[in-house]
Protein backbone atom coordinates (compact mmCIF):
# COMPACT_ATOMS: atom_id res chain seq x y z
CA MET A 1 -49.82 56.90 -147.77
CA ASN A 2 -47.63 56.49 -144.71
CA ALA A 3 -49.21 55.22 -141.51
CA PRO A 4 -48.91 57.40 -138.40
CA ALA A 5 -46.79 55.92 -135.62
CA THR A 6 -49.11 56.43 -132.67
CA SER A 7 -47.51 54.00 -130.19
CA PRO A 8 -43.97 52.71 -129.82
CA THR A 9 -43.75 49.01 -130.67
CA PRO A 10 -42.19 47.01 -127.83
CA THR A 11 -39.22 44.79 -128.65
CA ALA A 12 -39.12 41.31 -127.16
CA PRO A 13 -36.39 40.88 -124.55
CA GLY A 14 -33.43 38.59 -124.99
CA GLY A 15 -32.26 39.55 -128.46
CA LEU A 16 -28.57 38.95 -129.23
CA PRO A 17 -26.19 40.85 -131.53
CA LEU A 18 -26.35 39.50 -135.09
CA LEU A 19 -28.63 36.59 -134.09
CA GLY A 20 -31.49 38.68 -132.74
CA HIS A 21 -34.14 36.31 -131.35
CA GLY A 22 -33.17 33.51 -133.73
CA LEU A 23 -31.58 31.46 -130.96
CA GLN A 24 -34.77 31.56 -128.87
CA LEU A 25 -36.85 30.60 -131.91
CA ALA A 26 -34.50 27.68 -132.54
CA ARG A 27 -34.15 26.40 -128.98
CA ASN A 28 -37.51 27.13 -127.37
CA PRO A 29 -39.87 28.22 -130.14
CA LEU A 30 -43.23 27.43 -128.54
CA PRO A 31 -42.56 28.95 -125.09
CA PHE A 32 -40.94 31.95 -126.78
CA ILE A 33 -43.77 32.65 -129.21
CA THR A 34 -46.45 32.32 -126.52
CA SER A 35 -44.47 34.56 -124.15
CA LEU A 36 -44.79 37.46 -126.58
CA ARG A 37 -48.45 37.87 -125.58
CA ASP A 38 -47.19 39.39 -122.32
CA HIS A 39 -45.45 42.24 -124.12
CA GLY A 40 -48.35 43.70 -126.12
CA PRO A 41 -50.65 43.18 -129.12
CA VAL A 42 -47.81 43.83 -131.59
CA VAL A 43 -44.26 42.87 -130.62
CA ARG A 44 -41.07 43.47 -132.57
CA ILE A 45 -38.55 40.64 -132.81
CA ARG A 46 -35.40 40.23 -134.88
CA ILE A 47 -34.62 37.14 -136.92
CA GLY A 48 -30.92 37.69 -137.41
CA PRO A 49 -30.60 41.38 -138.23
CA THR A 50 -34.06 41.55 -139.83
CA PRO A 51 -37.00 42.88 -137.80
CA ALA A 52 -40.39 41.15 -137.81
CA TYR A 53 -43.65 42.14 -136.16
CA VAL A 54 -45.54 39.45 -134.23
CA VAL A 55 -49.29 39.97 -133.81
CA THR A 56 -50.55 38.51 -130.53
CA ASP A 57 -54.07 40.01 -130.49
CA PRO A 58 -56.62 37.87 -132.43
CA ALA A 59 -58.59 40.98 -133.45
CA LEU A 60 -55.46 42.44 -135.08
CA THR A 61 -54.66 39.09 -136.68
CA ARG A 62 -58.10 39.22 -138.28
CA LYS A 63 -57.19 42.64 -139.71
CA VAL A 64 -54.06 41.11 -141.25
CA LEU A 65 -55.89 38.11 -142.70
CA VAL A 66 -59.32 39.50 -143.55
CA THR A 67 -60.24 43.18 -143.33
CA ASP A 68 -56.87 44.62 -144.44
CA ALA A 69 -55.59 41.53 -146.25
CA ALA A 70 -54.83 43.49 -149.42
CA HIS A 71 -52.03 45.27 -147.55
CA TYR A 72 -50.49 42.09 -146.09
CA ALA A 73 -49.25 39.96 -148.97
CA LYS A 74 -48.46 36.24 -148.79
CA GLY A 75 -44.72 36.23 -148.34
CA GLY A 76 -41.80 36.38 -145.96
CA LYS A 77 -38.51 34.56 -145.79
CA ILE A 78 -39.99 31.14 -144.99
CA ILE A 79 -42.53 31.36 -147.80
CA ASP A 80 -39.69 32.31 -150.16
CA ALA A 81 -37.75 29.22 -149.06
CA LEU A 82 -40.75 26.93 -149.44
CA ARG A 83 -41.43 28.37 -152.90
CA VAL A 84 -38.20 26.72 -154.09
CA PHE A 85 -39.84 23.34 -153.41
CA PHE A 86 -43.54 24.09 -153.97
CA GLY A 87 -43.06 26.39 -156.94
CA ASP A 88 -46.10 28.59 -157.42
CA GLY A 89 -48.58 26.25 -155.76
CA LEU A 90 -51.67 27.64 -154.10
CA ALA A 91 -49.97 27.89 -150.68
CA THR A 92 -46.99 29.93 -151.89
CA ILE A 93 -48.07 31.78 -155.03
CA ALA A 94 -48.12 35.56 -154.61
CA ASP A 95 -51.41 37.41 -154.21
CA GLY A 96 -52.96 38.58 -157.46
CA ASP A 97 -54.82 37.40 -160.53
CA ALA A 98 -52.90 34.11 -160.81
CA HIS A 99 -53.78 33.15 -157.25
CA LEU A 100 -57.46 33.99 -157.73
CA ARG A 101 -57.60 32.07 -161.02
CA ASN A 102 -55.96 28.95 -159.57
CA ARG A 103 -58.08 29.03 -156.44
CA ARG A 104 -61.28 29.26 -158.49
CA LEU A 105 -60.12 26.35 -160.65
CA MET A 106 -59.38 24.21 -157.59
CA GLN A 107 -62.37 25.17 -155.45
CA PRO A 108 -64.71 22.52 -156.96
CA MET A 109 -62.20 19.81 -156.00
CA PHE A 110 -62.90 20.47 -152.34
CA ASN A 111 -66.64 20.97 -152.12
CA LYS A 112 -68.41 18.44 -149.91
CA ALA A 113 -70.21 16.63 -152.73
CA HIS A 114 -66.98 16.12 -154.67
CA ILE A 115 -65.21 14.76 -151.58
CA ALA A 116 -68.15 12.47 -150.79
CA ASP A 117 -67.80 10.85 -154.22
CA ARG A 118 -64.32 9.69 -153.19
CA GLY A 119 -65.24 8.81 -149.61
CA ASP A 120 -65.80 5.08 -149.95
CA ALA A 121 -62.59 4.59 -151.94
CA MET A 122 -60.67 6.43 -149.22
CA ILE A 123 -62.27 4.28 -146.51
CA GLU A 124 -61.25 1.09 -148.35
CA GLN A 125 -57.68 2.34 -148.75
CA VAL A 126 -57.36 3.33 -145.08
CA ALA A 127 -58.89 0.07 -143.84
CA SER A 128 -56.45 -1.94 -145.93
CA ALA A 129 -53.42 0.01 -144.67
CA VAL A 130 -54.41 0.08 -140.99
CA GLY A 131 -55.46 -3.57 -140.99
CA ALA A 132 -52.04 -4.64 -142.30
CA TRP A 133 -50.18 -3.51 -139.16
CA PRO A 134 -48.75 -6.49 -137.26
CA GLU A 135 -50.31 -6.97 -133.85
CA GLY A 136 -48.37 -6.27 -130.68
CA GLN A 137 -45.25 -4.76 -132.28
CA PRO A 138 -44.16 -1.22 -131.35
CA ARG A 139 -44.84 1.10 -134.26
CA ASP A 140 -43.76 4.67 -135.04
CA VAL A 141 -47.19 6.29 -134.94
CA TYR A 142 -46.13 9.56 -136.56
CA GLU A 143 -44.69 7.70 -139.56
CA ASP A 144 -47.74 5.42 -139.70
CA MET A 145 -50.18 8.33 -139.71
CA ASN A 146 -48.25 10.11 -142.45
CA GLU A 147 -48.18 6.94 -144.56
CA VAL A 148 -51.89 6.21 -144.10
CA THR A 149 -52.74 9.85 -144.80
CA LEU A 150 -50.66 9.86 -147.98
CA GLY A 151 -52.27 6.64 -149.21
CA ALA A 152 -55.77 7.98 -148.66
CA PHE A 153 -54.94 11.28 -150.31
CA LEU A 154 -53.37 9.64 -153.35
CA VAL A 155 -56.63 7.72 -153.87
CA ALA A 156 -58.63 10.94 -153.55
CA LEU A 157 -56.25 12.99 -155.71
CA PHE A 158 -55.44 10.63 -158.57
CA GLY A 159 -58.17 7.97 -158.31
CA ALA A 160 -58.46 4.48 -156.92
CA ASP A 161 -56.72 2.91 -159.92
CA LEU A 162 -53.36 4.68 -159.54
CA PRO A 163 -50.73 2.06 -160.48
CA GLU A 164 -49.32 0.35 -157.41
CA HIS A 165 -45.71 1.13 -158.26
CA LEU A 166 -46.48 4.85 -158.42
CA ALA A 167 -48.31 4.85 -155.09
CA GLY A 168 -45.45 2.91 -153.50
CA GLU A 169 -42.78 5.28 -154.75
CA PHE A 170 -44.75 8.33 -153.59
CA THR A 171 -44.97 6.75 -150.14
CA ALA A 172 -41.25 5.94 -150.03
CA LEU A 173 -40.13 9.33 -151.35
CA MET A 174 -42.25 11.82 -149.38
CA PRO A 175 -40.62 11.44 -145.91
CA ASP A 176 -37.17 12.29 -147.31
CA ILE A 177 -38.69 15.10 -149.36
CA MET A 178 -40.24 16.60 -146.24
CA GLU A 179 -37.01 16.29 -144.25
CA GLY A 180 -35.06 17.99 -147.01
CA THR A 181 -37.62 20.77 -147.34
CA ILE A 182 -37.44 21.48 -143.61
CA ARG A 183 -33.66 21.64 -143.88
CA GLN A 184 -33.94 24.12 -146.76
CA THR A 185 -36.12 26.45 -144.68
CA ILE A 186 -33.77 26.36 -141.67
CA LEU A 187 -30.50 27.05 -143.45
CA PRO A 188 -29.47 30.42 -144.92
CA PRO A 189 -30.22 30.63 -148.66
CA TRP A 190 -26.55 30.74 -149.64
CA VAL A 191 -25.94 27.38 -147.92
CA THR A 192 -28.79 25.68 -149.80
CA ARG A 193 -27.21 26.80 -153.10
CA LEU A 194 -23.85 25.15 -152.41
CA PRO A 195 -23.10 21.85 -154.24
CA LEU A 196 -23.28 19.85 -151.00
CA PRO A 197 -24.32 16.16 -151.05
CA ALA A 198 -27.49 16.88 -149.03
CA ASN A 199 -28.51 19.68 -151.40
CA ARG A 200 -27.89 17.52 -154.48
CA ALA A 201 -29.84 14.61 -152.96
CA HIS A 202 -32.79 16.88 -152.18
CA ALA A 203 -32.79 18.33 -155.69
CA GLN A 204 -32.74 14.82 -157.16
CA ARG A 205 -35.67 13.74 -154.97
CA VAL A 206 -37.70 16.80 -155.94
CA ALA A 207 -36.98 16.09 -159.61
CA ARG A 208 -38.10 12.47 -159.11
CA LEU A 209 -41.26 13.63 -157.35
CA ARG A 210 -42.11 15.87 -160.29
CA ALA A 211 -41.50 12.94 -162.65
CA LEU A 212 -43.85 10.75 -160.59
CA ILE A 213 -46.52 13.45 -160.67
CA ASP A 214 -46.09 13.63 -164.45
CA GLN A 215 -46.67 9.87 -164.67
CA ALA A 216 -49.78 10.13 -162.48
CA ILE A 217 -51.09 12.99 -164.62
CA ASP A 218 -50.44 11.01 -167.81
CA HIS A 219 -52.27 8.05 -166.28
CA ARG A 220 -55.29 10.21 -165.45
CA THR A 221 -55.19 11.81 -168.93
CA ARG A 222 -55.29 8.39 -170.60
CA ARG A 223 -58.19 7.35 -168.38
CA ALA A 224 -60.10 10.52 -169.29
CA ALA A 225 -59.39 10.17 -173.02
CA GLY A 226 -62.15 7.67 -173.60
CA PRO A 227 -63.68 4.30 -172.72
CA PRO A 228 -61.46 1.20 -172.56
CA SER A 229 -61.00 -0.89 -175.66
CA GLY A 230 -60.44 -4.56 -176.45
CA ALA A 231 -60.72 -7.04 -173.61
CA ALA A 232 -61.28 -4.31 -171.01
CA ALA A 233 -64.21 -2.95 -172.99
CA ALA A 234 -65.71 -6.41 -173.38
CA ALA A 235 -65.42 -7.03 -169.66
CA ASP A 236 -67.04 -3.70 -168.89
CA ALA A 237 -69.86 -4.39 -171.33
CA GLY A 238 -70.87 -7.46 -169.34
CA CYS A 239 -70.64 -5.76 -165.95
CA PRO A 240 -73.66 -3.72 -164.79
CA HIS A 241 -71.46 -1.91 -162.23
CA ALA A 242 -68.76 -0.82 -164.70
CA ALA A 243 -69.92 2.79 -164.95
CA ALA A 244 -70.14 3.22 -161.20
CA ALA A 245 -66.71 1.67 -160.74
CA GLY A 246 -65.26 3.99 -163.35
CA GLU A 247 -66.65 6.99 -161.53
CA GLN A 248 -65.10 5.83 -158.27
CA ARG A 249 -61.70 5.50 -159.93
CA THR A 250 -61.63 9.19 -160.81
CA GLY A 251 -59.74 11.61 -158.60
CA LEU A 252 -59.94 15.19 -157.47
CA PHE A 253 -57.17 16.08 -159.91
CA ASP A 254 -59.47 15.32 -162.85
CA THR A 255 -61.16 18.64 -162.11
CA LEU A 256 -57.96 20.45 -163.08
CA LEU A 257 -57.22 18.20 -166.04
CA THR A 258 -60.66 18.82 -167.56
CA ALA A 259 -60.93 22.57 -166.79
CA GLU A 260 -61.86 24.86 -169.68
CA ASP A 261 -58.81 27.00 -168.90
CA PRO A 262 -56.36 24.28 -167.82
CA LEU A 263 -53.11 24.80 -165.96
CA THR A 264 -49.75 24.20 -167.60
CA ARG A 265 -47.85 21.02 -166.78
CA GLN A 266 -45.52 23.00 -164.50
CA GLN A 267 -48.51 24.50 -162.66
CA LEU A 268 -50.10 21.07 -162.30
CA GLN A 269 -46.89 19.77 -160.75
CA ASP A 270 -46.71 22.74 -158.36
CA GLU A 271 -50.30 22.24 -157.21
CA ALA A 272 -49.88 18.49 -156.76
CA ILE A 273 -46.75 18.99 -154.61
CA THR A 274 -48.54 21.60 -152.53
CA LEU A 275 -51.58 19.37 -152.01
CA LEU A 276 -49.55 16.27 -151.19
CA THR A 277 -47.30 18.06 -148.69
CA GLY A 278 -50.17 19.87 -146.99
CA ALA A 279 -52.23 16.70 -146.73
CA ILE A 280 -49.45 14.61 -145.22
CA GLU A 281 -47.74 16.95 -142.78
CA THR A 282 -50.75 18.59 -141.16
CA THR A 283 -53.20 15.67 -141.14
CA GLY A 284 -50.65 13.04 -140.12
CA THR A 285 -49.39 15.21 -137.26
CA THR A 286 -52.91 15.84 -135.96
CA LEU A 287 -53.77 12.14 -136.02
CA ALA A 288 -50.58 11.14 -134.19
CA TRP A 289 -51.30 13.60 -131.39
CA THR A 290 -54.94 12.49 -131.27
CA LEU A 291 -53.97 8.86 -130.72
CA TYR A 292 -51.50 9.94 -128.05
CA GLU A 293 -54.17 11.89 -126.17
CA ILE A 294 -56.54 8.91 -126.42
CA THR A 295 -53.94 6.72 -124.68
CA ARG A 296 -53.80 9.29 -121.87
CA HIS A 297 -57.57 9.69 -121.46
CA PRO A 298 -59.48 6.39 -121.14
CA GLY A 299 -62.77 8.27 -120.75
CA ILE A 300 -62.33 9.91 -124.14
CA GLU A 301 -61.49 6.57 -125.76
CA GLN A 302 -64.57 4.97 -124.22
CA ARG A 303 -66.87 7.73 -125.52
CA LEU A 304 -65.33 7.49 -129.01
CA ARG A 305 -65.83 3.73 -129.18
CA GLU A 306 -69.39 3.99 -127.87
CA GLU A 307 -70.23 6.62 -130.50
CA LEU A 308 -68.82 4.44 -133.29
CA ALA A 309 -70.68 1.37 -132.03
CA THR A 310 -73.95 3.31 -131.95
CA VAL A 311 -73.54 4.68 -135.46
CA CYS A 312 -71.99 1.70 -137.27
CA ALA A 313 -73.02 -1.30 -135.14
CA ASP A 314 -71.44 -4.35 -136.84
CA ARG A 315 -71.27 -3.04 -140.40
CA PRO A 316 -68.26 -1.33 -142.01
CA LEU A 317 -67.80 2.44 -141.77
CA ALA A 318 -69.51 4.40 -144.57
CA TYR A 319 -68.82 7.96 -145.65
CA GLU A 320 -72.33 9.01 -144.63
CA ASP A 321 -71.50 8.03 -141.04
CA LEU A 322 -69.05 10.90 -140.58
CA GLU A 323 -71.74 13.53 -139.99
CA HIS A 324 -73.12 11.37 -137.18
CA LEU A 325 -69.82 11.30 -135.23
CA PRO A 326 -69.83 14.71 -133.52
CA TYR A 327 -67.75 13.63 -130.54
CA ALA A 328 -64.98 12.31 -132.81
CA ARG A 329 -64.97 15.68 -134.55
CA ARG A 330 -64.61 17.48 -131.20
CA VAL A 331 -61.70 15.24 -130.21
CA LEU A 332 -59.93 16.02 -133.49
CA GLN A 333 -60.63 19.74 -133.17
CA GLU A 334 -59.12 19.75 -129.69
CA ALA A 335 -55.99 18.01 -131.02
CA ILE A 336 -55.71 20.64 -133.74
CA ARG A 337 -56.14 23.42 -131.15
CA LYS A 338 -53.60 22.05 -128.71
CA TYR A 339 -50.90 21.10 -131.20
CA GLY A 340 -51.23 23.64 -133.98
CA PRO A 341 -50.44 22.09 -136.39
CA ALA A 342 -48.92 25.22 -137.97
CA TRP A 343 -47.23 27.42 -135.39
CA LEU A 344 -45.81 30.40 -137.29
CA VAL A 345 -47.09 32.05 -140.48
CA THR A 346 -45.82 35.16 -142.23
CA ARG A 347 -47.13 37.99 -144.36
CA THR A 348 -45.35 41.01 -145.87
CA ALA A 349 -46.48 44.62 -145.45
CA THR A 350 -47.02 46.16 -148.89
CA ARG A 351 -46.72 49.72 -147.52
CA ASP A 352 -46.27 51.54 -144.21
CA LEU A 353 -49.22 50.43 -142.10
CA ASP A 354 -50.87 51.30 -138.81
CA LEU A 355 -51.61 48.05 -137.01
CA GLY A 356 -53.36 48.69 -133.70
CA GLY A 357 -51.55 52.00 -133.35
CA HIS A 358 -48.14 50.50 -134.18
CA LEU A 359 -46.15 51.38 -137.29
CA VAL A 360 -45.32 48.39 -139.50
CA PRO A 361 -42.93 49.59 -142.23
CA GLU A 362 -43.29 48.65 -145.87
CA GLY A 363 -41.58 45.35 -146.67
CA ALA A 364 -41.52 44.11 -143.07
CA ASP A 365 -42.45 40.54 -142.18
CA VAL A 366 -45.67 40.32 -140.17
CA VAL A 367 -45.92 37.13 -138.11
CA TRP A 368 -49.00 35.47 -136.66
CA SER A 369 -49.17 32.22 -134.76
CA PRO A 370 -52.14 29.83 -134.64
CA TYR A 371 -50.40 28.08 -131.75
CA LEU A 372 -50.19 31.32 -129.75
CA HIS A 373 -53.84 32.20 -130.30
CA GLN A 374 -55.03 28.66 -129.58
CA HIS A 375 -53.21 28.67 -126.23
CA ASP A 376 -54.56 32.01 -125.04
CA PRO A 377 -55.91 31.45 -121.48
CA ALA A 378 -58.23 34.44 -121.92
CA VAL A 379 -60.04 32.51 -124.66
CA PHE A 380 -59.38 28.85 -123.87
CA SER A 381 -59.56 28.06 -120.17
CA ASP A 382 -56.72 25.77 -119.05
CA PRO A 383 -55.22 25.73 -122.58
CA GLY A 384 -52.74 22.97 -121.72
CA ALA A 385 -55.56 20.53 -120.93
CA PHE A 386 -57.01 18.24 -123.57
CA ASP A 387 -60.75 18.84 -123.29
CA PRO A 388 -62.91 17.98 -126.33
CA ASP A 389 -66.02 19.19 -124.53
CA ARG A 390 -64.83 22.78 -124.86
CA TRP A 391 -66.15 22.48 -128.45
CA THR A 392 -69.74 21.67 -127.53
CA THR A 393 -72.42 23.75 -129.18
CA GLY A 394 -72.79 27.13 -127.51
CA ASP A 395 -69.23 27.25 -126.20
CA THR A 396 -67.48 28.00 -129.50
CA ALA A 397 -68.66 31.52 -130.38
CA ALA A 398 -66.07 33.23 -128.19
CA THR A 399 -63.27 31.05 -129.57
CA ARG A 400 -64.02 31.44 -133.28
CA GLY A 401 -61.57 34.29 -133.83
CA SER A 402 -58.75 32.45 -132.04
CA PHE A 403 -59.05 29.03 -133.69
CA LEU A 404 -56.91 29.71 -136.74
CA ALA A 405 -55.46 26.34 -137.68
CA PHE A 406 -56.90 26.68 -141.22
CA GLY A 407 -56.15 30.41 -141.49
CA ASP A 408 -58.77 32.95 -142.43
CA GLY A 409 -59.75 35.30 -145.22
CA ARG A 410 -58.94 34.86 -148.88
CA ARG A 411 -55.90 32.64 -148.17
CA LYS A 412 -57.81 30.30 -145.85
CA CYS A 413 -56.95 26.65 -146.42
CA ILE A 414 -58.91 25.45 -149.45
CA GLY A 415 -58.78 21.85 -148.24
CA GLU A 416 -60.45 22.29 -144.84
CA ASN A 417 -63.52 20.18 -145.77
CA PHE A 418 -61.28 17.43 -147.10
CA ALA A 419 -59.05 17.53 -144.01
CA TRP A 420 -62.02 16.99 -141.68
CA ALA A 421 -63.26 14.06 -143.76
CA GLU A 422 -59.85 12.39 -143.93
CA LEU A 423 -59.19 12.92 -140.21
CA GLN A 424 -62.50 11.35 -139.23
CA ILE A 425 -62.11 8.41 -141.62
CA ILE A 426 -58.64 7.51 -140.34
CA LEU A 427 -59.45 7.97 -136.64
CA ALA A 428 -62.63 5.89 -136.93
CA THR A 429 -60.83 3.16 -138.87
CA VAL A 430 -57.99 2.88 -136.35
CA LEU A 431 -60.47 2.61 -133.47
CA ARG A 432 -62.64 0.02 -135.23
CA THR A 433 -59.67 -2.06 -136.42
CA TRP A 434 -57.77 -2.08 -133.14
CA PRO A 435 -59.82 -2.53 -129.92
CA SER A 436 -56.86 -1.35 -127.82
CA PHE A 437 -53.51 0.39 -128.20
CA GLN A 438 -50.93 1.67 -125.73
CA LEU A 439 -48.04 4.11 -125.78
CA THR A 440 -44.71 2.24 -125.55
CA SER A 441 -42.33 5.22 -125.68
CA ARG A 442 -41.91 8.02 -123.17
CA ALA A 443 -44.30 10.96 -123.47
CA PRO A 444 -43.47 12.72 -126.76
CA ARG A 445 -42.13 16.25 -126.80
CA PRO A 446 -43.57 18.75 -129.31
CA GLN A 447 -41.10 19.91 -131.96
CA ALA A 448 -41.97 23.11 -133.78
CA VAL A 449 -40.76 22.40 -137.29
CA VAL A 450 -43.14 22.91 -140.26
CA THR A 451 -45.84 21.62 -137.93
CA VAL A 452 -45.80 20.93 -134.18
CA LYS A 453 -44.79 17.27 -134.48
CA PRO A 454 -43.93 14.67 -131.82
CA ASP A 455 -40.23 13.98 -131.44
CA ARG A 456 -40.86 10.30 -130.72
CA MET A 457 -44.04 8.25 -130.40
CA THR A 458 -44.39 4.47 -130.55
CA MET A 459 -47.44 2.34 -129.75
CA ARG A 460 -48.58 -1.29 -129.72
CA PHE A 461 -51.92 -2.23 -131.27
CA HIS A 462 -53.98 -5.23 -130.11
CA ARG A 463 -56.98 -7.18 -131.41
CA GLN A 464 -58.38 -7.74 -127.91
CA PRO A 465 -60.07 -4.95 -125.92
CA ALA A 466 -58.23 -3.44 -122.97
CA PRO A 467 -59.71 -3.77 -119.47
CA ALA A 468 -62.48 -1.27 -118.75
CA PRO A 469 -61.21 2.07 -117.35
CA GLN A 470 -61.78 2.89 -113.72
CA SER A 471 -64.73 5.17 -112.99
CA THR A 472 -63.92 8.85 -112.42
CA ASP A 473 -65.91 11.99 -111.90
CA ASP A 474 -64.56 13.53 -115.10
CA PRO A 475 -63.22 10.77 -117.38
CA ALA A 476 -62.58 13.12 -120.29
CA ARG A 477 -59.87 14.93 -118.35
CA ILE A 478 -57.95 11.99 -116.87
CA THR A 479 -54.19 12.29 -117.20
CA THR A 480 -51.93 9.26 -117.03
CA GLY A 481 -48.58 10.94 -117.50
CA PRO A 482 -46.82 14.28 -117.72
CA GLU A 483 -47.80 16.87 -120.28
CA PRO A 484 -45.33 16.86 -123.19
CA GLY A 485 -42.74 19.58 -122.84
CA PRO A 486 -41.32 22.03 -125.37
CA ASP A 487 -38.75 20.91 -127.86
CA THR A 488 -35.10 21.84 -127.68
CA GLU A 489 -34.09 21.26 -131.28
CA PRO A 490 -33.58 23.78 -134.12
CA SER A 491 -36.89 24.72 -135.73
CA PRO A 492 -37.91 27.05 -138.54
CA SER A 493 -40.84 29.36 -138.77
CA THR A 494 -43.21 28.49 -141.56
CA GLY A 495 -45.72 30.12 -143.88
């Protein structure tokens, strides 16, 4: 049934012949996408010659993601490009029976009890990585956060006994993989199919990543096949903690490997790539921005350290402590709100649709932006400010429909519980390991690529506490430098 066109859909100004609004999306993506709110609840843009419909009203975005989700399929040009790398992982697989089956298989991996079983192993891994940083040397914080995040996630995904050479190669390979994937989403499809050196190198890295995942799967399969034999069995027999240690060495991926209706090897690879990429890019970006905001707001840092001291005193962090760190959670949620991390997501209309009185034709890309909604001044007062106290109990009801960093509806991020746990573990560990740290680069500029990442961010970490901050009337809103500005480098939209 065709939808009635009850209102003309406004077209965003500034489109160019052939390029449409692609140049604005490439040069000034964040100012451009937020400016569309001024033109109506549904705004037509062109990406090259192809029209797309941007939803700026959170109530209409909810229709796309929840109430009318059956008519807005997971898809669009960016999703199609990412599918080349991810395969049919949970983030890119088309809507339908296969998606529902895979999501049901994976859901137990991310319930709170399952994550808690891996919590202590993750804490040990993070503490080891963060504690190994040399004191006083400028460090690339974005790279550090991605590396620490990857290490913690590998422990959670494949178990604490993943061979060291595998973990090391994953860590070395993933940054180049991510850079190549971003390049693939920016360039036209015909360019990515040419036998260029960069394309060949990316294909080789992806093939190596799949081989590493195969080795990790084989390792987990051998571990699950039965108890150890020979000397290992004798050692375990004399150790009263052997069973508990064995349980800790298991990973989230064992849930898929032991499912009654298991995935094929290709599907296991696709899901592992999807999980690894999602865990690194979004979590690492959020943590980098969080540390940056802490350096700008001494009052926030002081409250975080006081909360940790109250909860942990002089003992090491434990997984059970996370639920007693509400201020740390608010700080992280504010970083997620302010910086995305995803900034542009697409769906595809499965038929002619009436969206808020505007005709969206069958096959058209429908775009929604967590960044746009999370910077709406009608919902978030002073959206450019970093204010964790906006998330205090009682103040969040009005913002619930506009905080969309994890999506909504049946395609909502399955790993949200895990993301919160990992974010809190890493932030708490950095603060407890390093009594002070300072920004050593200029204020970073946000770059809208797959996530809203910092263009440059270096810091020094010290074992001695910094001098106490000066007293202010509102320490949580101190600013010590300019707000980061929009990026000026080519950027893709992402799904």
